[in-house]
Protein backbone atom coordinates (compact mmCIF):
# COMPACT_ATOMS: atom_id res chain seq x y z
CA GLY A 1 23.77 15.52 -22.95
CA GLY A 2 20.71 13.44 -23.72
CA VAL A 3 18.25 12.07 -21.23
CA ALA A 4 19.95 10.09 -18.47
CA PRO A 5 18.16 7.13 -16.82
CA GLY A 6 18.16 8.96 -13.48
CA ASP A 7 16.45 12.08 -14.87
CA PHE A 8 12.95 10.68 -14.68
CA HIS A 9 13.42 9.36 -11.16
CA THR A 10 14.77 12.77 -10.08
CA LEU A 11 11.70 14.46 -11.56
CA ALA A 12 9.27 12.02 -9.96
CA VAL A 13 10.86 12.39 -6.52
CA ALA A 14 10.95 16.20 -6.83
CA MET A 15 7.24 16.23 -7.74
CA CYS A 16 6.53 14.00 -4.79
CA GLU A 17 8.38 16.29 -2.36
CA GLN A 18 6.24 19.32 -3.26
CA LYS A 19 3.98 20.49 -0.46
CA GLN A 20 0.93 20.38 -2.78
CA PRO A 21 -0.12 16.75 -3.26
CA GLN A 22 -0.36 15.74 -6.91
CA PRO A 23 -3.77 14.90 -8.36
CA LEU A 24 -4.37 11.16 -8.78
CA GLU A 25 -4.28 11.49 -12.61
CA VAL A 26 -0.80 13.00 -12.39
CA MET A 27 0.48 10.29 -10.04
CA LEU A 28 -0.97 7.58 -12.30
CA ALA A 29 0.69 9.21 -15.34
CA VAL A 30 4.04 9.37 -13.53
CA LEU A 31 3.72 5.70 -12.52
CA LYS A 32 2.92 4.77 -16.11
CA LEU A 33 5.86 6.81 -17.46
CA SER A 34 8.15 5.17 -14.92
CA ALA A 35 7.12 1.76 -16.28
CA PHE A 36 5.40 1.20 -12.91
CA ASP A 37 8.57 1.62 -10.88
CA ALA A 38 8.24 0.47 -7.25
CA GLU A 39 10.51 3.31 -6.05
CA VAL A 40 8.17 5.89 -7.61
CA LEU A 41 5.17 4.22 -6.00
CA HIS A 42 7.00 4.16 -2.68
CA SER A 43 7.70 7.89 -2.82
CA TYR A 44 4.01 8.58 -3.60
CA ARG A 45 2.63 6.10 -1.06
CA GLU A 46 1.03 8.59 1.37
CA ALA A 47 -0.53 10.69 -1.39
CA LEU A 48 -1.83 7.55 -3.11
CA VAL A 49 -3.46 6.28 0.10
CA ALA A 50 -5.20 9.66 0.50
CA ALA A 51 -6.23 9.86 -3.18
CA ALA A 52 -7.45 6.25 -3.23
CA ARG A 53 -10.16 7.03 -0.68
CA ALA A 54 -11.77 9.66 -2.95
CA ALA A 55 -11.10 7.94 -6.29
CA THR A 56 -13.94 7.54 -8.78
CA PRO A 57 -14.71 3.99 -10.03
CA PRO A 58 -12.72 4.50 -13.30
CA GLN A 59 -9.78 5.92 -11.30
CA ARG A 60 -9.93 2.97 -8.90
CA GLN A 61 -9.83 0.58 -11.82
CA GLU A 62 -6.78 2.37 -13.23
CA LEU A 63 -5.10 2.50 -9.82
CA ARG A 64 -5.73 -1.21 -9.21
CA HIS A 65 -4.16 -1.93 -12.62
CA ALA A 66 -1.16 0.27 -11.72
CA LEU A 67 -0.69 -1.56 -8.39
CA THR A 68 -0.77 -4.92 -10.18
CA GLN A 69 1.83 -3.69 -12.70
CA VAL A 70 4.10 -2.39 -9.92
CA TRP A 71 3.83 -5.71 -8.10
CA GLU A 72 4.50 -7.81 -11.21
CA GLY A 73 7.66 -5.83 -11.98
CA PHE A 74 8.86 -5.55 -8.39
CA TYR A 75 12.02 -7.17 -7.17
CA PRO A 76 12.05 -7.11 -3.35
CA LEU A 77 15.24 -5.56 -2.08
CA HIS A 78 14.79 -3.41 1.00
CA LYS A 79 11.43 -1.69 0.82
CA ASP A 80 8.24 -3.49 1.73
CA VAL A 81 6.33 -2.37 -1.34
CA ALA A 82 3.70 -5.09 -0.79
CA PHE A 83 2.69 -3.40 2.49
CA GLU A 84 2.25 -0.04 0.69
CA LEU A 85 0.18 -1.74 -2.05
CA ALA A 86 -1.98 -3.23 0.73
CA ARG A 87 -2.52 0.21 2.32
CA ILE A 88 -3.54 1.78 -1.00
CA SER A 89 -5.84 -1.16 -1.83
CA PHE A 90 -7.44 -0.96 1.62
CA ALA A 91 -8.04 2.79 1.14
CA MET A 92 -10.01 1.88 -2.03
CA SER A 93 -12.00 -0.68 0.03
CA GLU A 94 -10.43 -3.48 -2.05
CA GLY A 95 -10.20 -5.94 0.84
CA ALA A 96 -9.22 -8.97 -1.25
CA ASP A 97 -6.37 -7.07 -2.96
CA ALA A 98 -5.19 -5.67 0.38
CA LEU A 99 -5.21 -9.16 1.90
CA ARG A 100 -3.20 -10.60 -1.00
CA TYR A 101 -0.55 -7.86 -0.71
CA CYS A 102 -0.38 -8.34 3.08
CA GLN A 103 0.27 -12.03 2.56
CA GLU A 104 3.08 -11.19 0.11
CA SER A 105 4.57 -8.75 2.64
CA LEU A 106 4.49 -11.39 5.39
CA ARG A 107 6.02 -13.96 3.04
CA LEU A 108 8.86 -11.67 1.93
CA PHE A 109 9.58 -9.67 5.08
CA GLY A 110 8.27 -11.86 7.90
CA GLU A 111 5.78 -10.98 10.59
CA SER A 112 5.48 -7.39 11.71
CA ALA A 113 2.78 -5.83 13.85
CA PRO A 114 1.79 -3.19 11.23
CA THR A 115 1.42 -5.80 8.47
CA LEU A 116 -0.55 -8.17 10.71
CA VAL A 117 -2.90 -5.33 11.67
CA MET A 118 -3.35 -4.29 8.02
CA GLN A 119 -4.08 -7.94 7.19
CA SER A 120 -6.60 -8.08 10.06
CA TYR A 121 -8.34 -4.92 8.80
CA SER A 122 -8.53 -6.54 5.34
CA LEU A 123 -9.94 -9.75 6.82
CA ALA A 124 -12.50 -7.75 8.82
CA MET A 125 -13.51 -5.89 5.63
CA LEU A 126 -14.10 -9.30 4.03
CA GLY A 127 -16.25 -10.42 6.98
CA ARG A 128 -13.61 -12.84 8.32
CA ARG A 129 -13.88 -11.59 11.92
CA GLU A 130 -12.30 -14.49 13.81
CA GLU A 131 -9.19 -14.48 11.61
CA ALA A 132 -9.01 -10.70 12.02
CA VAL A 133 -9.08 -11.06 15.82
CA ARG A 134 -6.32 -13.71 15.72
CA GLY A 135 -4.12 -11.46 13.56
CA ALA A 136 -4.57 -8.46 15.84
CA GLU A 137 -3.79 -10.61 18.89
CA ARG A 138 -0.63 -11.89 17.17
CA ALA A 139 0.40 -8.30 16.41
CA LEU A 140 0.11 -7.49 20.13
CA GLU A 141 2.24 -10.52 21.00
CA LEU A 142 4.94 -9.24 18.63
CA GLN A 143 4.63 -5.62 19.72
CA PRO A 144 2.88 -5.25 23.10
CA GLY A 145 0.92 -2.01 23.38
CA PHE A 146 0.78 -1.51 19.57
CA THR A 147 -2.16 0.95 19.50
CA PRO A 148 -3.60 0.08 16.05
CA ALA A 149 -3.86 -3.59 17.08
CA ALA A 150 -5.49 -2.75 20.42
CA GLU A 151 -7.97 -0.37 18.71
CA LEU A 152 -8.88 -2.96 16.08
CA LEU A 153 -9.46 -5.63 18.74
CA GLU A 154 -11.72 -3.27 20.64
CA ARG A 155 -13.75 -2.61 17.49
CA LEU A 156 -14.03 -6.31 16.65
CA ARG A 157 -15.19 -7.28 20.13
């Protein structure tokens, strides 16, 4: 048998499930080879958030490009990929990107406390404190006692 369409996805998921996190270059290569598949990004989401924090400027540029490609090719079914793109963008200190992806998540999946808090963190990063406070307060209305929202409010006040 030749190469089946599922082979690549199987490989990507297997690599992702290894205990050793993949280097950012490897994850970027896998994303590229997957034609920027949202499922692949979703399975790498935690490792990408961690790697984004330590990424060099050229790596950040490449990762931002990859996130854009994933988003452009994404068809929203069940997974909130926009939220994951926001988390990775935020980890790179790309507040404007993170905010844009949060807004897409809210548009596609409705309000949720985690997305509102991520949006508030992005707003705070951009110096938009009052909007950040309002978002965190809304998150607490939706999910009373949601710790990340309470912690953010404390920091902003």
